[in-house]
Amino acid sequence: MESVELKLRLIDNGEFVVSYTKKIVEMLGEPELSLEVKAGQISEDVSRLIESLGYHIAAKKAMDDWIQLKAVKLSK
C-alpha cells in the first residue's frame, strides 16, 4: 500500500485543501495518509472528508495552530 504525507498547514484556503486531499486519494488509490492542516474549520472539513472516503483517523495531534492527522483505509 502506498503512503502519502501532505503538509498543507500554511494554506488558508479550506476548499483547496479538501479538493487537493480528495484528488490525491483518487490518484493513488487509497493510500495511507499523513496530513498537516490548519486547526479549526479546515481540519474539521478534512476530517469529515477522509472519513467519508472510508478512512479511519488513527491519530490526531494538535500543534500550535495546526493539526496532524494520520489515517488508514478501513478494511471491507
C-alpha atoms as a PDB file:
ATOM      1  CA  MET A   1       0.000   0.000   0.000  1.00  0.00           C
ATOM      2  CA  GLU A   2       1.213   3.478  -0.837  1.00  0.00           C
ATOM      3  CA  SER A   3       1.660   6.181   1.753  1.00  0.00           C
ATOM      4  CA  VAL A   4       1.453   9.937   1.278  1.00  0.00           C
ATOM      5  CA  GLU A   5       2.329  12.861   3.526  1.00  0.00           C
ATOM      6  CA  LEU A   6       0.611  16.184   2.813  1.00  0.00           C
ATOM      7  CA  LYS A   7       1.920  19.271   4.589  1.00  0.00           C
ATOM      8  CA  LEU A   8      -0.771  21.869   3.991  1.00  0.00           C
ATOM      9  CA  ARG A   9      -0.655  23.668   7.342  1.00  0.00           C
ATOM     10  CA  LEU A  10       0.241  27.070   5.856  1.00  0.00           C
ATOM     11  CA  ILE A  11      -2.656  27.088   3.373  1.00  0.00           C
ATOM     12  CA  ASP A  12      -5.663  29.164   4.467  1.00  0.00           C
ATOM     13  CA  ASN A  13      -7.974  28.126   1.621  1.00  0.00           C
ATOM     14  CA  GLY A  14     -10.083  25.274   3.008  1.00  0.00           C
ATOM     15  CA  GLU A  15     -11.617  24.414  -0.363  1.00  0.00           C
ATOM     16  CA  PHE A  16      -8.170  23.907  -1.871  1.00  0.00           C
ATOM     17  CA  VAL A  17      -7.016  21.679   1.000  1.00  0.00           C
ATOM     18  CA  VAL A  18     -10.130  19.480   0.769  1.00  0.00           C
ATOM     19  CA  SER A  19     -10.041  19.263  -3.054  1.00  0.00           C
ATOM     20  CA  TYR A  20      -6.309  18.521  -3.130  1.00  0.00           C
ATOM     21  CA  THR A  21      -6.601  15.806  -0.481  1.00  0.00           C
ATOM     22  CA  LYS A  22      -9.510  14.175  -2.333  1.00  0.00           C
ATOM     23  CA  LYS A  23      -7.637  14.270  -5.663  1.00  0.00           C
ATOM     24  CA  ILE A  24      -4.509  12.681  -4.137  1.00  0.00           C
ATOM     25  CA  VAL A  25      -6.592   9.844  -2.653  1.00  0.00           C
ATOM     26  CA  GLU A  26      -8.282   9.261  -6.036  1.00  0.00           C
ATOM     27  CA  MET A  27      -4.976   9.293  -7.931  1.00  0.00           C
ATOM     28  CA  LEU A  28      -3.102   6.974  -5.577  1.00  0.00           C
ATOM     29  CA  GLY A  29      -5.931   4.541  -4.902  1.00  0.00           C
ATOM     30  CA  GLU A  30      -6.473   4.621  -1.154  1.00  0.00           C
ATOM     31  CA  PRO A  31      -3.013   5.359   0.282  1.00  0.00           C
ATOM     32  CA  GLU A  32      -2.236   5.675   3.978  1.00  0.00           C
ATOM     33  CA  LEU A  33      -2.431   9.381   4.812  1.00  0.00           C
ATOM     34  CA  SER A  34      -0.441  11.725   7.000  1.00  0.00           C
ATOM     35  CA  LEU A  35      -1.836  15.252   6.853  1.00  0.00           C
ATOM     36  CA  GLU A  36      -0.827  18.546   8.410  1.00  0.00           C
ATOM     37  CA  VAL A  37      -3.571  21.178   8.130  1.00  0.00           C
ATOM     38  CA  LYS A  38      -4.589  24.404   9.880  1.00  0.00           C
ATOM     39  CA  ALA A  39      -6.580  23.943  13.080  1.00  0.00           C
ATOM     40  CA  GLY A  40     -10.230  24.939  13.097  1.00  0.00           C
ATOM     41  CA  GLN A  41     -12.686  24.662  10.229  1.00  0.00           C
ATOM     42  CA  ILE A  42     -10.121  23.340   7.735  1.00  0.00           C
ATOM     43  CA  SER A  43      -9.130  20.427   9.984  1.00  0.00           C
ATOM     44  CA  GLU A  44     -12.800  19.631  10.653  1.00  0.00           C
ATOM     45  CA  ASP A  45     -13.599  19.654   6.914  1.00  0.00           C
ATOM     46  CA  VAL A  46     -10.602  17.436   6.091  1.00  0.00           C
ATOM     47  CA  SER A  47     -11.519  15.024   8.905  1.00  0.00           C
ATOM     48  CA  ARG A  48     -15.068  14.711   7.542  1.00  0.00           C
ATOM     49  CA  LEU A  49     -13.736  14.208   4.013  1.00  0.00           C
ATOM     50  CA  ILE A  50     -11.329  11.414   4.870  1.00  0.00           C
ATOM     51  CA  GLU A  51     -13.963   9.662   6.997  1.00  0.00           C
ATOM     52  CA  SER A  52     -16.455   9.929   4.102  1.00  0.00           C
ATOM     53  CA  LEU A  53     -13.852   8.272   1.857  1.00  0.00           C
ATOM     54  CA  GLY A  54     -13.802   5.243   4.183  1.00  0.00           C
ATOM     55  CA  TYR A  55     -10.738   6.126   6.236  1.00  0.00           C
ATOM     56  CA  HIS A  56     -10.231   5.831   9.977  1.00  0.00           C
ATOM     57  CA  ILE A  57      -8.338   8.614  11.744  1.00  0.00           C
ATOM     58  CA  ALA A  58      -5.781   6.550  13.644  1.00  0.00           C
ATOM     59  CA  ALA A  59      -4.023   9.507  15.276  1.00  0.00           C
ATOM     60  CA  LYS A  60      -4.733  13.189  15.746  1.00  0.00           C
ATOM     61  CA  LYS A  61      -2.172  15.522  17.274  1.00  0.00           C
ATOM     62  CA  ALA A  62      -2.816  19.203  17.950  1.00  0.00           C
ATOM     63  CA  MET A  63       0.140  21.511  17.415  1.00  0.00           C
ATOM     64  CA  ASP A  64       0.342  25.329  17.834  1.00  0.00           C
ATOM     65  CA  ASP A  65      -2.198  26.353  15.185  1.00  0.00           C
ATOM     66  CA  TRP A  66      -2.342  23.234  13.055  1.00  0.00           C
ATOM     67  CA  ILE A  67      -3.345  19.577  13.374  1.00  0.00           C
ATOM     68  CA  GLN A  68      -1.538  16.412  12.309  1.00  0.00           C
ATOM     69  CA  LEU A  69      -3.815  13.577  11.189  1.00  0.00           C
ATOM     70  CA  LYS A  70      -2.851  10.004  10.376  1.00  0.00           C
ATOM     71  CA  ALA A  71      -5.485   7.992   8.556  1.00  0.00           C
ATOM     72  CA  VAL A  72      -5.772   4.440   7.258  1.00  0.00           C
ATOM     73  CA  LYS A  73      -8.342   2.895   4.961  1.00  0.00           C
ATOM     74  CA  LEU A  74     -10.883   0.756   6.780  1.00  0.00           C
ATOM     75  CA  SER A  75     -10.975  -2.919   5.841  1.00  0.00           C
ATOM     76  CA  LYS A  76     -14.020  -4.029   3.890  1.00  0.00           C
END
